[in-house]
Amino acid sequence: MGRVKSVLIAATLLVASPAAAEFAKVDSQEEFISLIQGKELRRPFVRLEVSREGEISGMGAAWAVTGNWTWQDGYFCRDLFWGGDPLGYNCQEVRAHDNRIRFTSDRGAGDSADFRLR
């Protein structure tokens, strides 16, 4: 299962994203909560719910996703598990545009993943 997960994570992260210029940085926890409250975050093979109370739950390619998050110094910091395997702790830059939200790992210096808010 580990090899399959690695391939799926890589494929998910490599999906082409719209130009960064149209995305605005989300600077506060309040702004972030207003974006995600009552919405599901979706991308191919992934559906997640991020609660205002700091919980993450959903499915990623048929495996359960669970975790917790906090807002620290302008970043979304999360600790995730996918199918029971730890994906680790990471603080991510958040940007949004219309009904889309982008998470960029390593405080904005790493890989990005875009989601639709539904």
N, C-alpha and C. Protein backbone atom coordinates (compact mmCIF):
# COMPACT_ATOMS: atom_id res chain seq x y z
N MET A 1 0.83 -1.19 0.00
CA MET A 1 0.00 0.00 0.00
C MET A 1 0.87 1.25 0.00
N GLY A 2 2.06 1.22 0.59
CA GLY A 2 2.93 2.38 0.66
C GLY A 2 3.34 2.88 -0.71
N ARG A 3 3.68 1.97 -1.62
CA ARG A 3 4.10 2.37 -2.97
C ARG A 3 2.95 3.02 -3.73
N VAL A 4 1.77 2.45 -3.60
CA VAL A 4 0.59 3.02 -4.27
C VAL A 4 0.33 4.43 -3.74
N LYS A 5 0.41 4.60 -2.44
CA LYS A 5 0.19 5.93 -1.85
C LYS A 5 1.19 6.94 -2.37
N SER A 6 2.45 6.55 -2.46
CA SER A 6 3.49 7.46 -2.95
C SER A 6 3.19 7.91 -4.37
N VAL A 7 2.78 6.97 -5.21
CA VAL A 7 2.45 7.31 -6.60
C VAL A 7 1.25 8.24 -6.65
N LEU A 8 0.22 7.96 -5.86
CA LEU A 8 -0.98 8.80 -5.86
C LEU A 8 -0.68 10.20 -5.32
N ILE A 9 0.14 10.30 -4.27
CA ILE A 9 0.51 11.61 -3.74
C ILE A 9 1.25 12.40 -4.80
N ALA A 10 2.22 11.77 -5.45
CA ALA A 10 3.00 12.46 -6.48
C ALA A 10 2.10 12.92 -7.62
N ALA A 11 1.19 12.07 -8.06
CA ALA A 11 0.29 12.44 -9.15
C ALA A 11 -0.63 13.59 -8.75
N THR A 12 -1.11 13.56 -7.53
CA THR A 12 -2.00 14.62 -7.04
C THR A 12 -1.27 15.95 -6.98
N LEU A 13 -0.03 15.94 -6.54
CA LEU A 13 0.71 17.18 -6.40
C LEU A 13 1.19 17.75 -7.73
N LEU A 14 1.26 16.91 -8.76
CA LEU A 14 1.78 17.36 -10.04
C LEU A 14 0.71 17.84 -11.01
N VAL A 15 -0.55 17.84 -10.60
CA VAL A 15 -1.63 18.33 -11.45
C VAL A 15 -1.42 19.82 -11.71
N ALA A 16 -1.54 20.20 -12.97
CA ALA A 16 -1.34 21.61 -13.33
C ALA A 16 -2.31 22.51 -12.58
N SER A 17 -1.79 23.65 -12.13
CA SER A 17 -2.60 24.61 -11.37
C SER A 17 -2.67 25.93 -12.12
N PRO A 18 -3.73 26.72 -11.87
CA PRO A 18 -3.83 28.03 -12.48
C PRO A 18 -2.68 28.93 -12.02
N ALA A 19 -2.44 29.99 -12.74
CA ALA A 19 -1.36 30.92 -12.41
C ALA A 19 -1.50 31.46 -10.99
N ALA A 20 -0.37 31.60 -10.31
CA ALA A 20 -0.37 32.04 -8.91
C ALA A 20 -0.87 33.48 -8.76
N ALA A 21 -0.75 34.29 -9.80
CA ALA A 21 -1.10 35.70 -9.71
C ALA A 21 -2.55 35.92 -9.31
N GLU A 22 -3.44 35.01 -9.66
CA GLU A 22 -4.85 35.23 -9.34
C GLU A 22 -5.22 34.77 -7.93
N PHE A 23 -4.33 34.09 -7.24
CA PHE A 23 -4.58 33.63 -5.88
C PHE A 23 -4.07 34.66 -4.89
N ALA A 24 -4.89 34.96 -3.87
CA ALA A 24 -4.50 35.91 -2.82
C ALA A 24 -4.15 35.13 -1.55
N LYS A 25 -3.10 35.57 -0.87
CA LYS A 25 -2.65 34.91 0.35
C LYS A 25 -3.69 35.09 1.46
N VAL A 26 -3.95 34.00 2.16
CA VAL A 26 -4.84 34.01 3.32
C VAL A 26 -3.94 34.23 4.53
N ASP A 27 -4.12 35.35 5.22
CA ASP A 27 -3.20 35.73 6.29
C ASP A 27 -3.68 35.39 7.70
N SER A 28 -4.97 35.16 7.88
CA SER A 28 -5.47 34.97 9.25
C SER A 28 -6.31 33.70 9.36
N GLN A 29 -6.35 33.19 10.58
CA GLN A 29 -7.17 32.02 10.86
C GLN A 29 -8.64 32.33 10.60
N GLU A 30 -9.08 33.54 10.94
CA GLU A 30 -10.48 33.91 10.73
C GLU A 30 -10.83 33.88 9.25
N GLU A 31 -9.96 34.41 8.42
CA GLU A 31 -10.19 34.39 6.97
C GLU A 31 -10.23 32.95 6.46
N PHE A 32 -9.30 32.12 6.93
CA PHE A 32 -9.25 30.72 6.52
C PHE A 32 -10.55 30.01 6.90
N ILE A 33 -11.00 30.19 8.13
CA ILE A 33 -12.22 29.54 8.59
C ILE A 33 -13.42 29.99 7.76
N SER A 34 -13.46 31.27 7.43
CA SER A 34 -14.58 31.77 6.62
C SER A 34 -14.61 31.11 5.24
N LEU A 35 -13.45 30.74 4.72
CA LEU A 35 -13.38 30.08 3.42
C LEU A 35 -13.83 28.62 3.48
N ILE A 36 -13.43 27.90 4.53
CA ILE A 36 -13.64 26.44 4.57
C ILE A 36 -14.89 26.03 5.34
N GLN A 37 -15.44 26.92 6.13
CA GLN A 37 -16.58 26.55 6.98
C GLN A 37 -17.76 26.04 6.16
N GLY A 38 -18.19 24.82 6.48
CA GLY A 38 -19.33 24.23 5.81
C GLY A 38 -19.05 23.74 4.40
N LYS A 39 -17.78 23.69 4.02
CA LYS A 39 -17.41 23.29 2.66
C LYS A 39 -16.56 22.02 2.69
N GLU A 40 -16.56 21.35 1.57
CA GLU A 40 -15.70 20.20 1.37
C GLU A 40 -14.59 20.62 0.41
N LEU A 41 -13.37 20.20 0.67
CA LEU A 41 -12.23 20.48 -0.20
C LEU A 41 -12.09 19.28 -1.13
N ARG A 42 -12.15 19.55 -2.45
CA ARG A 42 -12.15 18.47 -3.43
C ARG A 42 -11.08 18.66 -4.49
N ARG A 43 -10.51 17.54 -4.88
CA ARG A 43 -9.63 17.44 -6.03
C ARG A 43 -9.76 16.00 -6.50
N PRO A 44 -9.25 15.64 -7.67
CA PRO A 44 -9.42 14.26 -8.13
C PRO A 44 -8.97 13.24 -7.07
N PHE A 45 -9.86 12.33 -6.75
CA PHE A 45 -9.63 11.24 -5.81
C PHE A 45 -9.51 11.68 -4.34
N VAL A 46 -9.75 12.96 -4.05
CA VAL A 46 -9.60 13.46 -2.67
C VAL A 46 -10.81 14.30 -2.30
N ARG A 47 -11.35 14.03 -1.11
CA ARG A 47 -12.43 14.83 -0.53
C ARG A 47 -12.13 15.00 0.95
N LEU A 48 -11.99 16.24 1.40
CA LEU A 48 -11.62 16.51 2.78
C LEU A 48 -12.56 17.51 3.42
N GLU A 49 -12.73 17.37 4.71
CA GLU A 49 -13.42 18.37 5.52
C GLU A 49 -12.42 18.87 6.56
N VAL A 50 -12.32 20.18 6.67
CA VAL A 50 -11.42 20.82 7.64
C VAL A 50 -12.32 21.62 8.58
N SER A 51 -12.38 21.20 9.82
CA SER A 51 -13.30 21.85 10.75
C SER A 51 -12.66 23.07 11.40
N ARG A 52 -13.48 23.99 11.82
CA ARG A 52 -12.99 25.17 12.53
C ARG A 52 -12.37 24.80 13.87
N GLU A 53 -12.72 23.62 14.39
CA GLU A 53 -12.19 23.16 15.68
C GLU A 53 -10.82 22.51 15.56
N GLY A 54 -10.28 22.39 14.34
CA GLY A 54 -8.94 21.86 14.17
C GLY A 54 -8.84 20.41 13.75
N GLU A 55 -9.91 19.85 13.22
CA GLU A 55 -9.88 18.46 12.77
C GLU A 55 -9.91 18.39 11.25
N ILE A 56 -9.27 17.37 10.71
CA ILE A 56 -9.27 17.09 9.28
C ILE A 56 -9.75 15.66 9.10
N SER A 57 -10.70 15.46 8.18
CA SER A 57 -11.19 14.11 7.90
C SER A 57 -11.60 14.03 6.44
N GLY A 58 -11.62 12.81 5.93
CA GLY A 58 -12.06 12.62 4.56
C GLY A 58 -11.49 11.37 3.96
N MET A 59 -11.44 11.37 2.63
CA MET A 59 -10.94 10.23 1.88
C MET A 59 -9.96 10.71 0.83
N GLY A 60 -8.93 9.91 0.61
CA GLY A 60 -7.96 10.15 -0.44
C GLY A 60 -7.68 8.85 -1.16
N ALA A 61 -8.16 8.71 -2.39
CA ALA A 61 -7.98 7.51 -3.19
C ALA A 61 -8.39 6.25 -2.42
N ALA A 62 -9.56 6.27 -1.82
CA ALA A 62 -10.18 5.14 -1.13
C ALA A 62 -9.62 4.87 0.27
N TRP A 63 -8.69 5.67 0.76
CA TRP A 63 -8.17 5.50 2.11
C TRP A 63 -8.59 6.69 2.96
N ALA A 64 -8.85 6.42 4.23
CA ALA A 64 -9.26 7.48 5.15
C ALA A 64 -8.12 8.46 5.40
N VAL A 65 -8.48 9.73 5.45
CA VAL A 65 -7.55 10.80 5.82
C VAL A 65 -8.03 11.37 7.14
N THR A 66 -7.14 11.46 8.11
CA THR A 66 -7.46 12.06 9.41
C THR A 66 -6.31 12.96 9.83
N GLY A 67 -6.60 13.89 10.70
CA GLY A 67 -5.53 14.74 11.20
C GLY A 67 -6.06 15.92 11.99
N ASN A 68 -5.13 16.78 12.34
CA ASN A 68 -5.42 17.99 13.10
C ASN A 68 -4.67 19.16 12.47
N TRP A 69 -5.18 20.36 12.75
CA TRP A 69 -4.51 21.55 12.24
C TRP A 69 -4.58 22.68 13.27
N THR A 70 -3.63 23.60 13.13
CA THR A 70 -3.63 24.86 13.89
C THR A 70 -3.17 25.95 12.93
N TRP A 71 -3.40 27.19 13.31
CA TRP A 71 -2.94 28.34 12.53
C TRP A 71 -1.79 28.97 13.31
N GLN A 72 -0.60 29.04 12.70
CA GLN A 72 0.57 29.56 13.40
C GLN A 72 1.32 30.55 12.51
N ASP A 73 1.45 31.77 12.98
CA ASP A 73 2.25 32.80 12.30
C ASP A 73 1.88 32.96 10.83
N GLY A 74 0.57 32.89 10.53
CA GLY A 74 0.10 33.09 9.16
C GLY A 74 0.12 31.85 8.29
N TYR A 75 0.31 30.68 8.90
CA TYR A 75 0.37 29.43 8.13
C TYR A 75 -0.57 28.38 8.72
N PHE A 76 -1.08 27.53 7.82
CA PHE A 76 -1.91 26.38 8.16
C PHE A 76 -0.95 25.23 8.48
N CYS A 77 -0.91 24.83 9.75
CA CYS A 77 0.01 23.77 10.17
C CYS A 77 -0.80 22.53 10.48
N ARG A 78 -0.49 21.45 9.78
CA ARG A 78 -1.30 20.24 9.91
C ARG A 78 -0.43 19.01 10.16
N ASP A 79 -1.05 18.02 10.80
CA ASP A 79 -0.45 16.72 11.02
C ASP A 79 -1.45 15.71 10.47
N LEU A 80 -1.08 14.99 9.39
CA LEU A 80 -2.03 14.13 8.67
C LEU A 80 -1.65 12.66 8.72
N PHE A 81 -2.69 11.83 8.60
CA PHE A 81 -2.54 10.39 8.45
C PHE A 81 -3.40 9.98 7.26
N TRP A 82 -2.85 9.15 6.39
CA TRP A 82 -3.56 8.69 5.20
C TRP A 82 -3.55 7.17 5.22
N GLY A 83 -4.72 6.56 5.37
CA GLY A 83 -4.80 5.12 5.47
C GLY A 83 -4.05 4.60 6.68
N GLY A 84 -3.95 5.42 7.72
CA GLY A 84 -3.25 5.04 8.94
C GLY A 84 -1.76 5.36 8.93
N ASP A 85 -1.21 5.72 7.77
CA ASP A 85 0.22 6.05 7.68
C ASP A 85 0.42 7.54 7.89
N PRO A 86 1.42 7.93 8.67
CA PRO A 86 1.66 9.36 8.91
C PRO A 86 2.24 10.05 7.68
N LEU A 87 1.65 11.19 7.33
CA LEU A 87 2.21 12.04 6.27
C LEU A 87 3.08 13.13 6.88
N GLY A 88 3.00 13.27 8.19
CA GLY A 88 3.86 14.21 8.89
C GLY A 88 3.24 15.57 9.13
N TYR A 89 3.99 16.33 9.90
CA TYR A 89 3.60 17.69 10.27
C TYR A 89 4.20 18.64 9.24
N ASN A 90 3.40 19.64 8.81
CA ASN A 90 3.91 20.61 7.85
C ASN A 90 3.10 21.89 7.98
N CYS A 91 3.79 23.04 7.93
CA CYS A 91 3.11 24.34 7.90
C CYS A 91 3.06 24.81 6.46
N GLN A 92 1.86 25.22 6.02
CA GLN A 92 1.63 25.52 4.62
C GLN A 92 1.06 26.91 4.41
N GLU A 93 1.52 27.54 3.35
CA GLU A 93 0.94 28.80 2.93
C GLU A 93 -0.41 28.49 2.29
N VAL A 94 -1.40 29.34 2.55
CA VAL A 94 -2.73 29.16 1.97
C VAL A 94 -3.03 30.37 1.09
N ARG A 95 -3.51 30.11 -0.11
CA ARG A 95 -3.97 31.15 -1.04
C ARG A 95 -5.35 30.75 -1.54
N ALA A 96 -6.15 31.73 -1.91
CA ALA A 96 -7.51 31.44 -2.37
C ALA A 96 -7.88 32.34 -3.53
N HIS A 97 -8.78 31.82 -4.36
CA HIS A 97 -9.35 32.58 -5.48
C HIS A 97 -10.69 31.94 -5.81
N ASP A 98 -11.74 32.76 -5.77
CA ASP A 98 -13.10 32.29 -6.02
C ASP A 98 -13.39 31.05 -5.16
N ASN A 99 -13.73 29.93 -5.78
CA ASN A 99 -14.06 28.72 -5.02
C ASN A 99 -12.89 27.73 -4.99
N ARG A 100 -11.67 28.26 -5.09
CA ARG A 100 -10.47 27.42 -5.06
C ARG A 100 -9.56 27.84 -3.91
N ILE A 101 -8.85 26.87 -3.38
CA ILE A 101 -7.91 27.13 -2.30
C ILE A 101 -6.64 26.33 -2.60
N ARG A 102 -5.50 26.95 -2.39
CA ARG A 102 -4.20 26.33 -2.68
C ARG A 102 -3.39 26.25 -1.39
N PHE A 103 -2.84 25.07 -1.13
CA PHE A 103 -1.94 24.85 -0.01
C PHE A 103 -0.55 24.59 -0.58
N THR A 104 0.45 25.34 -0.10
CA THR A 104 1.82 25.15 -0.54
C THR A 104 2.66 24.78 0.67
N SER A 105 3.24 23.59 0.62
CA SER A 105 3.98 23.05 1.76
C SER A 105 5.22 23.88 2.08
N ASP A 106 5.82 23.58 3.22
CA ASP A 106 7.07 24.21 3.65
C ASP A 106 6.99 25.73 3.66
N ARG A 107 5.90 26.23 4.26
CA ARG A 107 5.67 27.68 4.39
C ARG A 107 5.75 28.42 3.05
N GLY A 108 5.24 27.76 2.02
CA GLY A 108 5.17 28.39 0.70
C GLY A 108 6.33 28.08 -0.21
N ALA A 109 7.31 27.29 0.25
CA ALA A 109 8.50 27.00 -0.56
C ALA A 109 8.46 25.63 -1.21
N GLY A 110 7.43 24.82 -0.92
CA GLY A 110 7.39 23.44 -1.42
C GLY A 110 6.35 23.23 -2.50
N ASP A 111 5.85 22.00 -2.56
CA ASP A 111 4.85 21.61 -3.55
C ASP A 111 3.48 22.19 -3.18
N SER A 112 2.65 22.40 -4.21
CA SER A 112 1.31 22.95 -4.02
C SER A 112 0.24 21.93 -4.39
N ALA A 113 -0.90 22.08 -3.74
CA ALA A 113 -2.08 21.29 -4.08
C ALA A 113 -3.28 22.23 -4.08
N ASP A 114 -4.04 22.23 -5.17
CA ASP A 114 -5.24 23.05 -5.30
C ASP A 114 -6.48 22.21 -5.05
N PHE A 115 -7.46 22.82 -4.39
CA PHE A 115 -8.73 22.16 -4.10
C PHE A 115 -9.86 23.09 -4.52
N ARG A 116 -10.98 22.50 -4.89
CA ARG A 116 -12.23 23.24 -5.09
C ARG A 116 -12.98 23.21 -3.78
N LEU A 117 -13.63 24.31 -3.45
CA LEU A 117 -14.46 24.40 -2.25
C LEU A 117 -15.91 24.17 -2.69
N ARG A 118 -16.53 23.12 -2.18
CA ARG A 118 -17.92 22.78 -2.55
C ARG A 118 -18.79 22.69 -1.33
